[in-house]
Amino acid sequence: MSFEKVKNTIMETINCDEDKITIDARLKEDLGIDSLDAMELSMALEEAFGITIDEEALKDFDTVQKIVSYIDEQA
């Protein structure tokens, strides 16, 4: 599971409080991520994991769990 690496990437990219980043955290509601933050986060995740995230998948990223699941599927 890539949760810890995703969590660290979110903290570094969005400057979000570590305690708020849980596997069930919702990006907009719980972490306050807006569309610009989401683009920055997707680029940071692509770099951190050496993957490409397509736009359709990006639209489905509403929780940390969905990000982790997508990355695990790409591995």
PDB file of N, CA and C in Angstrom:
ATOM      1  N   MET A   1       0.842  -1.196   0.000  1.00  0.00           N
ATOM      2  CA  MET A   1       0.000   0.000   0.000  1.00  0.00           C
ATOM      3  C   MET A   1       0.877   1.246   0.000  1.00  0.00           C
ATOM      4  N   SER A   2       0.519   2.211  -0.776  1.00  0.00           N
ATOM      5  CA  SER A   2       1.320   3.415  -0.981  1.00  0.00           C
ATOM      6  C   SER A   2       0.875   4.583  -0.112  1.00  0.00           C
ATOM      7  N   PHE A   3       0.085   4.325   0.908  1.00  0.00           N
ATOM      8  CA  PHE A   3      -0.515   5.406   1.692  1.00  0.00           C
ATOM      9  C   PHE A   3       0.517   6.372   2.271  1.00  0.00           C
ATOM     10  N   GLU A   4       1.571   5.865   2.898  1.00  0.00           N
ATOM     11  CA  GLU A   4       2.551   6.746   3.546  1.00  0.00           C
ATOM     12  C   GLU A   4       3.212   7.685   2.544  1.00  0.00           C
ATOM     13  N   LYS A   5       3.553   7.157   1.376  1.00  0.00           N
ATOM     14  CA  LYS A   5       4.199   7.987   0.353  1.00  0.00           C
ATOM     15  C   LYS A   5       3.212   9.016  -0.207  1.00  0.00           C
ATOM     16  N   VAL A   6       1.956   8.606  -0.391  1.00  0.00           N
ATOM     17  CA  VAL A   6       0.915   9.546  -0.843  1.00  0.00           C
ATOM     18  C   VAL A   6       0.723  10.638   0.213  1.00  0.00           C
ATOM     19  N   LYS A   7       0.649  10.228   1.470  1.00  0.00           N
ATOM     20  CA  LYS A   7       0.474  11.178   2.576  1.00  0.00           C
ATOM     21  C   LYS A   7       1.606  12.197   2.589  1.00  0.00           C
ATOM     22  N   ASN A   8       2.853  11.736   2.465  1.00  0.00           N
ATOM     23  CA  ASN A   8       3.999  12.647   2.454  1.00  0.00           C
ATOM     24  C   ASN A   8       3.946  13.585   1.259  1.00  0.00           C
ATOM     25  N   THR A   9       3.532  13.081   0.110  1.00  0.00           N
ATOM     26  CA  THR A   9       3.432  13.915  -1.084  1.00  0.00           C
ATOM     27  C   THR A   9       2.364  14.992  -0.898  1.00  0.00           C
ATOM     28  N   ILE A  10       1.242  14.625  -0.298  1.00  0.00           N
ATOM     29  CA  ILE A  10       0.185  15.615  -0.026  1.00  0.00           C
ATOM     30  C   ILE A  10       0.707  16.685   0.935  1.00  0.00           C
ATOM     31  N   MET A  11       1.387  16.255   2.003  1.00  0.00           N
ATOM     32  CA  MET A  11       1.909  17.222   2.981  1.00  0.00           C
ATOM     33  C   MET A  11       2.892  18.194   2.339  1.00  0.00           C
ATOM     34  N   GLU A  12       3.782  17.686   1.494  1.00  0.00           N
ATOM     35  CA  GLU A  12       4.780  18.524   0.848  1.00  0.00           C
ATOM     36  C   GLU A  12       4.174  19.454  -0.202  1.00  0.00           C
ATOM     37  N   THR A  13       3.163  18.970  -0.912  1.00  0.00           N
ATOM     38  CA  THR A  13       2.590  19.731  -2.027  1.00  0.00           C
ATOM     39  C   THR A  13       1.546  20.746  -1.563  1.00  0.00           C
ATOM     40  N   ILE A  14       0.676  20.320  -0.679  1.00  0.00           N
ATOM     41  CA  ILE A  14      -0.463  21.159  -0.282  1.00  0.00           C
ATOM     42  C   ILE A  14      -0.206  21.899   1.026  1.00  0.00           C
ATOM     43  N   ASN A  15       0.842  21.502   1.736  1.00  0.00           N
ATOM     44  CA  ASN A  15       1.141  22.098   3.035  1.00  0.00           C
ATOM     45  C   ASN A  15      -0.045  21.905   3.978  1.00  0.00           C
ATOM     46  N   CYS A  16      -0.469  20.666   4.085  1.00  0.00           N
ATOM     47  CA  CYS A  16      -1.638  20.295   4.869  1.00  0.00           C
ATOM     48  C   CYS A  16      -1.191  19.655   6.186  1.00  0.00           C
ATOM     49  N   ASP A  17      -1.983  19.822   7.230  1.00  0.00           N
ATOM     50  CA  ASP A  17      -1.688  19.243   8.531  1.00  0.00           C
ATOM     51  C   ASP A  17      -1.688  17.717   8.438  1.00  0.00           C
ATOM     52  N   GLU A  18      -0.628  17.094   8.923  1.00  0.00           N
ATOM     53  CA  GLU A  18      -0.468  15.642   8.830  1.00  0.00           C
ATOM     54  C   GLU A  18      -1.632  14.889   9.467  1.00  0.00           C
ATOM     55  N   ASP A  19      -2.161  15.396  10.565  1.00  0.00           N
ATOM     56  CA  ASP A  19      -3.247  14.713  11.274  1.00  0.00           C
ATOM     57  C   ASP A  19      -4.521  14.618  10.447  1.00  0.00           C
ATOM     58  N   LYS A  20      -4.705  15.535   9.506  1.00  0.00           N
ATOM     59  CA  LYS A  20      -5.912  15.535   8.676  1.00  0.00           C
ATOM     60  C   LYS A  20      -5.854  14.504   7.551  1.00  0.00           C
ATOM     61  N   ILE A  21      -4.641  14.074   7.197  1.00  0.00           N
ATOM     62  CA  ILE A  21      -4.475  13.180   6.053  1.00  0.00           C
ATOM     63  C   ILE A  21      -4.611  11.732   6.504  1.00  0.00           C
ATOM     64  N   THR A  22      -5.822  11.218   6.363  1.00  0.00           N
ATOM     65  CA  THR A  22      -6.096   9.815   6.681  1.00  0.00           C
ATOM     66  C   THR A  22      -6.504   9.117   5.385  1.00  0.00           C
ATOM     67  N   ILE A  23      -6.572   7.814   5.423  1.00  0.00           N
ATOM     68  CA  ILE A  23      -6.941   7.061   4.224  1.00  0.00           C
ATOM     69  C   ILE A  23      -8.356   7.421   3.761  1.00  0.00           C
ATOM     70  N   ASP A  24      -9.223   7.813   4.678  1.00  0.00           N
ATOM     71  CA  ASP A  24     -10.611   8.140   4.356  1.00  0.00           C
ATOM     72  C   ASP A  24     -10.847   9.633   4.131  1.00  0.00           C
ATOM     73  N   ALA A  25      -9.801  10.447   4.246  1.00  0.00           N
ATOM     74  CA  ALA A  25      -9.963  11.900   4.109  1.00  0.00           C
ATOM     75  C   ALA A  25     -10.442  12.268   2.709  1.00  0.00           C
ATOM     76  N   ARG A  26     -11.410  13.182   2.661  1.00  0.00           N
ATOM     77  CA  ARG A  26     -11.909  13.708   1.393  1.00  0.00           C
ATOM     78  C   ARG A  26     -11.064  14.926   1.016  1.00  0.00           C
ATOM     79  N   LEU A  27     -10.657  14.979  -0.231  1.00  0.00           N
ATOM     80  CA  LEU A  27      -9.717  16.017  -0.639  1.00  0.00           C
ATOM     81  C   LEU A  27     -10.273  17.430  -0.469  1.00  0.00           C
ATOM     82  N   LYS A  28     -11.457  17.681  -0.975  1.00  0.00           N
ATOM     83  CA  LYS A  28     -12.036  19.030  -0.883  1.00  0.00           C
ATOM     84  C   LYS A  28     -12.523  19.340   0.529  1.00  0.00           C
ATOM     85  N   GLU A  29     -13.386  18.482   1.053  1.00  0.00           N
ATOM     86  CA  GLU A  29     -14.059  18.757   2.310  1.00  0.00           C
ATOM     87  C   GLU A  29     -13.125  18.711   3.515  1.00  0.00           C
ATOM     88  N   ASP A  30     -12.246  17.702   3.581  1.00  0.00           N
ATOM     89  CA  ASP A  30     -11.408  17.517   4.765  1.00  0.00           C
ATOM     90  C   ASP A  30     -10.046  18.196   4.655  1.00  0.00           C
ATOM     91  N   LEU A  31      -9.484  18.228   3.446  1.00  0.00           N
ATOM     92  CA  LEU A  31      -8.132  18.760   3.270  1.00  0.00           C
ATOM     93  C   LEU A  31      -8.104  20.138   2.627  1.00  0.00           C
ATOM     94  N   GLY A  32      -9.262  20.603   2.124  1.00  0.00           N
ATOM     95  CA  GLY A  32      -9.345  21.939   1.548  1.00  0.00           C
ATOM     96  C   GLY A  32      -8.625  22.087   0.215  1.00  0.00           C
ATOM     97  N   ILE A  33      -8.515  20.992  -0.543  1.00  0.00           N
ATOM     98  CA  ILE A  33      -7.815  21.022  -1.821  1.00  0.00           C
ATOM     99  C   ILE A  33      -8.741  21.559  -2.910  1.00  0.00           C
ATOM    100  N   ASP A  34      -8.287  22.625  -3.590  1.00  0.00           N
ATOM    101  CA  ASP A  34      -9.072  23.185  -4.697  1.00  0.00           C
ATOM    102  C   ASP A  34      -8.512  22.654  -6.023  1.00  0.00           C
ATOM    103  N   SER A  35      -9.035  23.139  -7.134  1.00  0.00           N
ATOM    104  CA  SER A  35      -8.636  22.593  -8.434  1.00  0.00           C
ATOM    105  C   SER A  35      -7.164  22.859  -8.753  1.00  0.00           C
ATOM    106  N   LEU A  36      -6.648  24.007  -8.365  1.00  0.00           N
ATOM    107  CA  LEU A  36      -5.234  24.305  -8.592  1.00  0.00           C
ATOM    108  C   LEU A  36      -4.356  23.372  -7.750  1.00  0.00           C
ATOM    109  N   ASP A  37      -4.725  23.188  -6.492  1.00  0.00           N
ATOM    110  CA  ASP A  37      -4.002  22.252  -5.622  1.00  0.00           C
ATOM    111  C   ASP A  37      -4.027  20.845  -6.208  1.00  0.00           C
ATOM    112  N   ALA A  38      -5.171  20.453  -6.756  1.00  0.00           N
ATOM    113  CA  ALA A  38      -5.322  19.115  -7.324  1.00  0.00           C
ATOM    114  C   ALA A  38      -4.363  18.905  -8.491  1.00  0.00           C
ATOM    115  N   MET A  39      -4.194  19.931  -9.330  1.00  0.00           N
ATOM    116  CA  MET A  39      -3.262  19.824 -10.452  1.00  0.00           C
ATOM    117  C   MET A  39      -1.820  19.709  -9.947  1.00  0.00           C
ATOM    118  N   GLU A  40      -1.475  20.520  -8.960  1.00  0.00           N
ATOM    119  CA  GLU A  40      -0.132  20.456  -8.385  1.00  0.00           C
ATOM    120  C   GLU A  40       0.105  19.088  -7.749  1.00  0.00           C
ATOM    121  N   LEU A  41      -0.907  18.579  -7.062  1.00  0.00           N
ATOM    122  CA  LEU A  41      -0.785  17.279  -6.415  1.00  0.00           C
ATOM    123  C   LEU A  41      -0.622  16.170  -7.439  1.00  0.00           C
ATOM    124  N   SER A  42      -1.380  16.228  -8.528  1.00  0.00           N
ATOM    125  CA  SER A  42      -1.265  15.174  -9.541  1.00  0.00           C
ATOM    126  C   SER A  42       0.135  15.165 -10.150  1.00  0.00           C
ATOM    127  N   MET A  43       0.701  16.338 -10.399  1.00  0.00           N
ATOM    128  CA  MET A  43       2.065  16.400 -10.941  1.00  0.00           C
ATOM    129  C   MET A  43       3.077  15.858  -9.935  1.00  0.00           C
ATOM    130  N   ALA A  44       2.885  16.186  -8.664  1.00  0.00           N
ATOM    131  CA  ALA A  44       3.792  15.693  -7.623  1.00  0.00           C
ATOM    132  C   ALA A  44       3.687  14.177  -7.475  1.00  0.00           C
ATOM    133  N   LEU A  45       2.473  13.641  -7.577  1.00  0.00           N
ATOM    134  CA  LEU A  45       2.277  12.189  -7.485  1.00  0.00           C
ATOM    135  C   LEU A  45       2.907  11.481  -8.683  1.00  0.00           C
ATOM    136  N   GLU A  46       2.752  12.064  -9.865  1.00  0.00           N
ATOM    137  CA  GLU A  46       3.359  11.476 -11.064  1.00  0.00           C
ATOM    138  C   GLU A  46       4.871  11.396 -10.909  1.00  0.00           C
ATOM    139  N   GLU A  47       5.444  12.458 -10.389  1.00  0.00           N
ATOM    140  CA  GLU A  47       6.894  12.482 -10.200  1.00  0.00           C
ATOM    141  C   GLU A  47       7.327  11.504  -9.101  1.00  0.00           C
ATOM    142  N   ALA A  48       6.604  11.490  -7.992  1.00  0.00           N
ATOM    143  CA  ALA A  48       6.972  10.639  -6.857  1.00  0.00           C
ATOM    144  C   ALA A  48       6.886   9.158  -7.179  1.00  0.00           C
ATOM    145  N   PHE A  49       5.883   8.780  -7.993  1.00  0.00           N
ATOM    146  CA  PHE A  49       5.650   7.365  -8.271  1.00  0.00           C
ATOM    147  C   PHE A  49       6.079   6.931  -9.668  1.00  0.00           C
ATOM    148  N   GLY A  50       6.521   7.886 -10.501  1.00  0.00           N
ATOM    149  CA  GLY A  50       6.952   7.550 -11.854  1.00  0.00           C
ATOM    150  C   GLY A  50       5.830   7.022 -12.723  1.00  0.00           C
ATOM    151  N   ILE A  51       4.650   7.623 -12.578  1.00  0.00           N
ATOM    152  CA  ILE A  51       3.474   7.207 -13.346  1.00  0.00           C
ATOM    153  C   ILE A  51       2.885   8.414 -14.062  1.00  0.00           C
ATOM    154  N   THR A  52       1.934   8.148 -14.953  1.00  0.00           N
ATOM    155  CA  THR A  52       1.151   9.199 -15.587  1.00  0.00           C
ATOM    156  C   THR A  52      -0.291   9.019 -15.154  1.00  0.00           C
ATOM    157  N   ILE A  53      -0.893  10.089 -14.666  1.00  0.00           N
ATOM    158  CA  ILE A  53      -2.287  10.041 -14.225  1.00  0.00           C
ATOM    159  C   ILE A  53      -3.145  10.683 -15.306  1.00  0.00           C
ATOM    160  N   ASP A  54      -4.046   9.896 -15.901  1.00  0.00           N
ATOM    161  CA  ASP A  54      -4.882  10.467 -16.953  1.00  0.00           C
ATOM    162  C   ASP A  54      -6.009  11.312 -16.351  1.00  0.00           C
ATOM    163  N   GLU A  55      -6.538  12.210 -17.172  1.00  0.00           N
ATOM    164  CA  GLU A  55      -7.535  13.171 -16.679  1.00  0.00           C
ATOM    165  C   GLU A  55      -8.796  12.510 -16.150  1.00  0.00           C
ATOM    166  N   GLU A  56      -9.213  11.425 -16.769  1.00  0.00           N
ATOM    167  CA  GLU A  56     -10.419  10.721 -16.301  1.00  0.00           C
ATOM    168  C   GLU A  56     -10.222  10.189 -14.889  1.00  0.00           C
ATOM    169  N   ALA A  57      -9.053   9.619 -14.629  1.00  0.00           N
ATOM    170  CA  ALA A  57      -8.760   9.098 -13.295  1.00  0.00           C
ATOM    171  C   ALA A  57      -8.697  10.247 -12.297  1.00  0.00           C
ATOM    172  N   LEU A  58      -8.106  11.345 -12.702  1.00  0.00           N
ATOM    173  CA  LEU A  58      -7.964  12.513 -11.830  1.00  0.00           C
ATOM    174  C   LEU A  58      -9.325  13.016 -11.356  1.00  0.00           C
ATOM    175  N   LYS A  59     -10.316  12.967 -12.223  1.00  0.00           N
ATOM    176  CA  LYS A  59     -11.669  13.410 -11.853  1.00  0.00           C
ATOM    177  C   LYS A  59     -12.267  12.556 -10.740  1.00  0.00           C
ATOM    178  N   ASP A  60     -11.832  11.298 -10.641  1.00  0.00           N
ATOM    179  CA  ASP A  60     -12.372  10.395  -9.631  1.00  0.00           C
ATOM    180  C   ASP A  60     -11.674  10.516  -8.281  1.00  0.00           C
ATOM    181  N   PHE A  61     -10.599  11.269  -8.215  1.00  0.00           N
ATOM    182  CA  PHE A  61      -9.847  11.398  -6.964  1.00  0.00           C
ATOM    183  C   PHE A  61     -10.579  12.345  -6.015  1.00  0.00           C
ATOM    184  N   ASP A  62     -11.471  11.789  -5.198  1.00  0.00           N
ATOM    185  CA  ASP A  62     -12.135  12.627  -4.205  1.00  0.00           C
ATOM    186  C   ASP A  62     -11.739  12.242  -2.783  1.00  0.00           C
ATOM    187  N   THR A  63     -11.052  11.111  -2.632  1.00  0.00           N
ATOM    188  CA  THR A  63     -10.541  10.702  -1.318  1.00  0.00           C
ATOM    189  C   THR A  63      -9.094  10.242  -1.464  1.00  0.00           C
ATOM    190  N   VAL A  64      -8.389  10.228  -0.341  1.00  0.00           N
ATOM    191  CA  VAL A  64      -7.018   9.720  -0.338  1.00  0.00           C
ATOM    192  C   VAL A  64      -7.021   8.249  -0.755  1.00  0.00           C
ATOM    193  N   GLN A  65      -8.030   7.498  -0.328  1.00  0.00           N
ATOM    194  CA  GLN A  65      -8.127   6.078  -0.672  1.00  0.00           C
ATOM    195  C   GLN A  65      -8.144   5.866  -2.183  1.00  0.00           C
ATOM    196  N   LYS A  66      -8.874   6.692  -2.912  1.00  0.00           N
ATOM    197  CA  LYS A  66      -8.941   6.529  -4.368  1.00  0.00           C
ATOM    198  C   LYS A  66      -7.593   6.800  -5.028  1.00  0.00           C
ATOM    199  N   ILE A  67      -6.833   7.746  -4.488  1.00  0.00           N
ATOM    200  CA  ILE A  67      -5.489   8.014  -5.007  1.00  0.00           C
ATOM    201  C   ILE A  67      -4.602   6.799  -4.777  1.00  0.00           C
ATOM    202  N   VAL A  68      -4.619   6.286  -3.547  1.00  0.00           N
ATOM    203  CA  VAL A  68      -3.774   5.134  -3.186  1.00  0.00           C
ATOM    204  C   VAL A  68      -4.151   3.928  -4.040  1.00  0.00           C
ATOM    205  N   SER A  69      -5.431   3.669  -4.221  1.00  0.00           N
ATOM    206  CA  SER A  69      -5.875   2.527  -5.036  1.00  0.00           C
ATOM    207  C   SER A  69      -5.401   2.671  -6.472  1.00  0.00           C
ATOM    208  N   TYR A  70      -5.524   3.863  -7.035  1.00  0.00           N
ATOM    209  CA  TYR A  70      -5.091   4.089  -8.413  1.00  0.00           C
ATOM    210  C   TYR A  70      -3.593   3.835  -8.547  1.00  0.00           C
ATOM    211  N   ILE A  71      -2.814   4.366  -7.628  1.00  0.00           N
ATOM    212  CA  ILE A  71      -1.359   4.191  -7.691  1.00  0.00           C
ATOM    213  C   ILE A  71      -0.987   2.723  -7.531  1.00  0.00           C
ATOM    214  N   ASP A  72      -1.652   2.030  -6.621  1.00  0.00           N
ATOM    215  CA  ASP A  72      -1.369   0.609  -6.433  1.00  0.00           C
ATOM    216  C   ASP A  72      -1.691  -0.201  -7.694  1.00  0.00           C
ATOM    217  N   GLU A  73      -2.740   0.193  -8.418  1.00  0.00           N
ATOM    218  CA  GLU A  73      -3.105  -0.480  -9.668  1.00  0.00           C
ATOM    219  C   GLU A  73      -2.062  -0.247 -10.764  1.00  0.00           C
ATOM    220  N   GLN A  74      -1.399   0.911 -10.721  1.00  0.00           N
ATOM    221  CA  GLN A  74      -0.407   1.242 -11.748  1.00  0.00           C
ATOM    222  C   GLN A  74       0.925   0.525 -11.530  1.00  0.00           C
ATOM    223  N   ALA A  75       1.151   0.083 -10.317  1.00  0.00           N
ATOM    224  CA  ALA A  75       2.449  -0.563  -9.974  1.00  0.00           C
ATOM    225  C   ALA A  75       2.594  -1.925 -10.613  1.00  0.00           C
TER     226      ALA A  75
END
